[in-house]
């Protein structure tokens, strides 16, 4: 999907929202020019998940991360750029991704752990290839 389509969809949603809230449609801005910066992407909600609720393969990945590897896939430990805008916005190089093995999958599958650079444990789990993330609560 190209940026002008996103703008048109956003404008249509704004008109629907104003109709619902105020009873009348408010003119939406024209979607004539594509923005040059993706800073308009809103951060989506990040859920939470207890460590005990993660699949066992995620536990294995987290242990490998804590011990520094070795990792089974060449892309493990590479920078995750957060292009989807789901995780909180941070500077480049802040997030790193690691594969969570998926039994029966012929490739890396869709499951990942993405870590942040904070002093504590900032680990996010996704089971749907970056569409959603849950912050791992290591205390439960």
C-alpha atoms as a PDB file:
ATOM      1  CA  UNK A   1       0.000   0.000   0.000  1.00  0.00           C
ATOM      2  CA  UNK A   2       1.409   3.393  -0.884  1.00  0.00           C
ATOM      3  CA  UNK A   3       1.451   6.462   1.320  1.00  0.00           C
ATOM      4  CA  UNK A   4      -1.323   8.351  -0.554  1.00  0.00           C
ATOM      5  CA  UNK A   5      -3.657   5.389   0.144  1.00  0.00           C
ATOM      6  CA  UNK A   6      -2.800   5.586   3.838  1.00  0.00           C
ATOM      7  CA  UNK A   7      -3.567   9.313   3.853  1.00  0.00           C
ATOM      8  CA  UNK A   8      -6.883   8.763   2.101  1.00  0.00           C
ATOM      9  CA  UNK A   9      -7.819   6.061   4.625  1.00  0.00           C
ATOM     10  CA  UNK A  10      -6.829   8.319   7.528  1.00  0.00           C
ATOM     11  CA  UNK A  11      -8.857  11.210   6.091  1.00  0.00           C
ATOM     12  CA  UNK A  12     -11.891   8.944   5.658  1.00  0.00           C
ATOM     13  CA  UNK A  13     -11.585   7.763   9.262  1.00  0.00           C
ATOM     14  CA  UNK A  14     -11.379  11.385  10.447  1.00  0.00           C
ATOM     15  CA  UNK A  15     -14.623  12.227   8.625  1.00  0.00           C
ATOM     16  CA  UNK A  16     -16.357   9.176  10.110  1.00  0.00           C
ATOM     17  CA  UNK A  17     -15.106  10.017  13.599  1.00  0.00           C
ATOM     18  CA  UNK A  18     -16.245  13.636  13.378  1.00  0.00           C
ATOM     19  CA  UNK A  19     -19.664  12.529  12.135  1.00  0.00           C
ATOM     20  CA  UNK A  20     -19.970  10.110  15.043  1.00  0.00           C
ATOM     21  CA  UNK A  21     -18.766  12.594  17.666  1.00  0.00           C
ATOM     22  CA  UNK A  22     -20.319  15.836  16.422  1.00  0.00           C
ATOM     23  CA  UNK A  23     -23.183  14.729  14.178  1.00  0.00           C
ATOM     24  CA  UNK A  24     -21.735  16.504  11.158  1.00  0.00           C
ATOM     25  CA  UNK A  25     -18.878  15.723   8.876  1.00  0.00           C
ATOM     26  CA  UNK A  26     -15.827  17.932   9.118  1.00  0.00           C
ATOM     27  CA  UNK A  27     -13.868  18.374   5.922  1.00  0.00           C
ATOM     28  CA  UNK A  28     -10.774  16.228   5.904  1.00  0.00           C
ATOM     29  CA  UNK A  29      -7.479  17.578   4.564  1.00  0.00           C
ATOM     30  CA  UNK A  30      -6.747  16.682   0.978  1.00  0.00           C
ATOM     31  CA  UNK A  31      -4.350  13.798   0.484  1.00  0.00           C
ATOM     32  CA  UNK A  32      -2.419  15.368  -2.335  1.00  0.00           C
ATOM     33  CA  UNK A  33       1.159  15.276  -1.113  1.00  0.00           C
ATOM     34  CA  UNK A  34       2.933  12.308   0.390  1.00  0.00           C
ATOM     35  CA  UNK A  35       4.761  13.045   3.649  1.00  0.00           C
ATOM     36  CA  UNK A  36       8.512  12.764   3.512  1.00  0.00           C
ATOM     37  CA  UNK A  37       8.922  11.504   7.078  1.00  0.00           C
ATOM     38  CA  UNK A  38       7.200   8.545   8.708  1.00  0.00           C
ATOM     39  CA  UNK A  39       6.938  10.355  12.031  1.00  0.00           C
ATOM     40  CA  UNK A  40       3.153  10.424  11.642  1.00  0.00           C
ATOM     41  CA  UNK A  41       2.938   6.691  12.419  1.00  0.00           C
ATOM     42  CA  UNK A  42       1.342   6.287  15.828  1.00  0.00           C
ATOM     43  CA  UNK A  43       2.827   3.813  18.280  1.00  0.00           C
ATOM     44  CA  UNK A  44       0.383   0.965  18.701  1.00  0.00           C
ATOM     45  CA  UNK A  45      -0.413  -0.539  22.063  1.00  0.00           C
ATOM     46  CA  UNK A  46       2.098  -2.998  23.406  1.00  0.00           C
ATOM     47  CA  UNK A  47       0.587  -5.698  25.588  1.00  0.00           C
ATOM     48  CA  UNK A  48       2.155  -7.607  28.446  1.00  0.00           C
ATOM     49  CA  UNK A  49       2.834 -11.295  28.869  1.00  0.00           C
ATOM     50  CA  UNK A  50       4.096 -13.264  31.841  1.00  0.00           C
ATOM     51  CA  UNK A  51       7.353 -15.103  31.302  1.00  0.00           C
ATOM     52  CA  UNK A  52       5.575 -18.294  32.374  1.00  0.00           C
ATOM     53  CA  UNK A  53       3.043 -17.873  29.533  1.00  0.00           C
ATOM     54  CA  UNK A  54       5.694 -17.734  26.790  1.00  0.00           C
ATOM     55  CA  UNK A  55       6.291 -20.803  24.642  1.00  0.00           C
ATOM     56  CA  UNK A  56       9.209 -22.921  25.868  1.00  0.00           C
ATOM     57  CA  UNK A  57      11.209 -21.980  22.768  1.00  0.00           C
ATOM     58  CA  UNK A  58      11.018 -18.300  23.856  1.00  0.00           C
ATOM     59  CA  UNK A  59      12.532 -19.311  27.204  1.00  0.00           C
ATOM     60  CA  UNK A  60      15.378 -20.957  25.268  1.00  0.00           C
ATOM     61  CA  UNK A  61      15.916 -17.783  23.216  1.00  0.00           C
ATOM     62  CA  UNK A  62      15.926 -15.558  26.307  1.00  0.00           C
ATOM     63  CA  UNK A  63      18.521 -17.830  27.971  1.00  0.00           C
ATOM     64  CA  UNK A  64      20.701 -17.596  24.834  1.00  0.00           C
ATOM     65  CA  UNK A  65      20.387 -13.795  24.841  1.00  0.00           C
ATOM     66  CA  UNK A  66      21.383 -13.616  28.507  1.00  0.00           C
ATOM     67  CA  UNK A  67      24.399 -15.869  27.934  1.00  0.00           C
ATOM     68  CA  UNK A  68      25.478 -14.065  24.752  1.00  0.00           C
ATOM     69  CA  UNK A  69      24.818 -16.947  22.353  1.00  0.00           C
ATOM     70  CA  UNK A  70      25.714 -18.788  20.241  1.00  0.00           C
ATOM     71  CA  UNK A  71      22.572 -18.140  18.217  1.00  0.00           C
ATOM     72  CA  UNK A  72      21.125 -20.583  15.693  1.00  0.00           C
ATOM     73  CA  UNK A  73      20.313 -18.043  12.967  1.00  0.00           C
ATOM     74  CA  UNK A  74      22.645 -15.503  11.311  1.00  0.00           C
ATOM     75  CA  UNK A  75      20.090 -12.666  11.725  1.00  0.00           C
ATOM     76  CA  UNK A  76      19.867 -13.181  15.486  1.00  0.00           C
ATOM     77  CA  UNK A  77      21.213 -10.139  17.318  1.00  0.00           C
ATOM     78  CA  UNK A  78      20.811  -7.787  14.364  1.00  0.00           C
ATOM     79  CA  UNK A  79      19.285  -4.342  14.749  1.00  0.00           C
ATOM     80  CA  UNK A  80      15.487  -4.235  14.685  1.00  0.00           C
ATOM     81  CA  UNK A  81      14.463  -0.914  13.165  1.00  0.00           C
ATOM     82  CA  UNK A  82      10.812  -0.861  14.353  1.00  0.00           C
ATOM     83  CA  UNK A  83       9.562   0.184  10.897  1.00  0.00           C
ATOM     84  CA  UNK A  84       6.105  -1.047  11.860  1.00  0.00           C
ATOM     85  CA  UNK A  85       5.976   1.559  14.631  1.00  0.00           C
ATOM     86  CA  UNK A  86       4.558  -0.878  17.181  1.00  0.00           C
ATOM     87  CA  UNK A  87       7.275  -0.522  19.825  1.00  0.00           C
ATOM     88  CA  UNK A  88       8.009   2.793  21.556  1.00  0.00           C
ATOM     89  CA  UNK A  89      10.066   5.076  19.322  1.00  0.00           C
ATOM     90  CA  UNK A  90      13.782   4.963  20.082  1.00  0.00           C
ATOM     91  CA  UNK A  91      16.977   5.924  18.291  1.00  0.00           C
ATOM     92  CA  UNK A  92      18.639   3.671  15.736  1.00  0.00           C
ATOM     93  CA  UNK A  93      20.301   0.568  17.106  1.00  0.00           C
ATOM     94  CA  UNK A  94      18.183   0.549  20.274  1.00  0.00           C
ATOM     95  CA  UNK A  95      16.323  -2.701  19.493  1.00  0.00           C
ATOM     96  CA  UNK A  96      17.769  -6.092  18.485  1.00  0.00           C
ATOM     97  CA  UNK A  97      15.863  -9.145  17.296  1.00  0.00           C
ATOM     98  CA  UNK A  98      16.250 -12.854  17.961  1.00  0.00           C
ATOM     99  CA  UNK A  99      14.432 -15.842  16.504  1.00  0.00           C
ATOM    100  CA  UNK A 100      12.134 -17.975  18.626  1.00  0.00           C
ATOM    101  CA  UNK A 101      12.140 -21.386  16.987  1.00  0.00           C
ATOM    102  CA  UNK A 102       8.797 -22.573  15.665  1.00  0.00           C
ATOM    103  CA  UNK A 103       8.475 -26.376  15.728  1.00  0.00           C
ATOM    104  CA  UNK A 104       7.725 -27.741  12.261  1.00  0.00           C
ATOM    105  CA  UNK A 105       8.546 -24.486  10.465  1.00  0.00           C
ATOM    106  CA  UNK A 106      10.921 -24.878   7.498  1.00  0.00           C
ATOM    107  CA  UNK A 107      12.326 -21.360   8.082  1.00  0.00           C
ATOM    108  CA  UNK A 108      12.688 -18.879  10.945  1.00  0.00           C
ATOM    109  CA  UNK A 109       8.930 -18.699  11.394  1.00  0.00           C
ATOM    110  CA  UNK A 110       7.068 -15.670  12.740  1.00  0.00           C
ATOM    111  CA  UNK A 111       8.092 -15.676  16.389  1.00  0.00           C
ATOM    112  CA  UNK A 112      10.730 -13.274  17.735  1.00  0.00           C
ATOM    113  CA  UNK A 113      12.110 -11.721  20.874  1.00  0.00           C
ATOM    114  CA  UNK A 114      13.086  -8.069  20.453  1.00  0.00           C
ATOM    115  CA  UNK A 115      15.250  -6.546  23.175  1.00  0.00           C
ATOM    116  CA  UNK A 116      15.806  -2.931  24.140  1.00  0.00           C
ATOM    117  CA  UNK A 117      18.918  -1.295  25.560  1.00  0.00           C
ATOM    118  CA  UNK A 118      17.603  -0.377  29.014  1.00  0.00           C
ATOM    119  CA  UNK A 119      19.585  -1.396  32.069  1.00  0.00           C
ATOM    120  CA  UNK A 120      16.849  -3.852  33.099  1.00  0.00           C
ATOM    121  CA  UNK A 121      15.117  -6.540  31.122  1.00  0.00           C
ATOM    122  CA  UNK A 122      13.265  -4.961  28.212  1.00  0.00           C
ATOM    123  CA  UNK A 123      12.177  -7.957  26.177  1.00  0.00           C
ATOM    124  CA  UNK A 124       9.265  -8.000  23.769  1.00  0.00           C
ATOM    125  CA  UNK A 125       7.674 -11.131  22.299  1.00  0.00           C
ATOM    126  CA  UNK A 126       5.881 -11.309  18.956  1.00  0.00           C
ATOM    127  CA  UNK A 127       4.226 -14.422  17.642  1.00  0.00           C
ATOM    128  CA  UNK A 128       2.928 -12.771  14.486  1.00  0.00           C
ATOM    129  CA  UNK A 129       6.046 -11.354  12.808  1.00  0.00           C
ATOM    130  CA  UNK A 130       6.000  -7.826  14.262  1.00  0.00           C
ATOM    131  CA  UNK A 131       2.254  -7.063  13.931  1.00  0.00           C
ATOM    132  CA  UNK A 132       1.914  -7.028  17.708  1.00  0.00           C
ATOM    133  CA  UNK A 133       4.240  -7.190  20.684  1.00  0.00           C
ATOM    134  CA  UNK A 134       3.948  -8.070  24.350  1.00  0.00           C
ATOM    135  CA  UNK A 135       6.412  -6.800  26.944  1.00  0.00           C
ATOM    136  CA  UNK A 136       7.691  -9.790  28.890  1.00  0.00           C
ATOM    137  CA  UNK A 137       7.085  -9.579  32.624  1.00  0.00           C
ATOM    138  CA  UNK A 138       9.910 -11.638  34.110  1.00  0.00           C
ATOM    139  CA  UNK A 139       8.366 -11.597  37.606  1.00  0.00           C
ATOM    140  CA  UNK A 140       5.503 -13.980  36.829  1.00  0.00           C
END
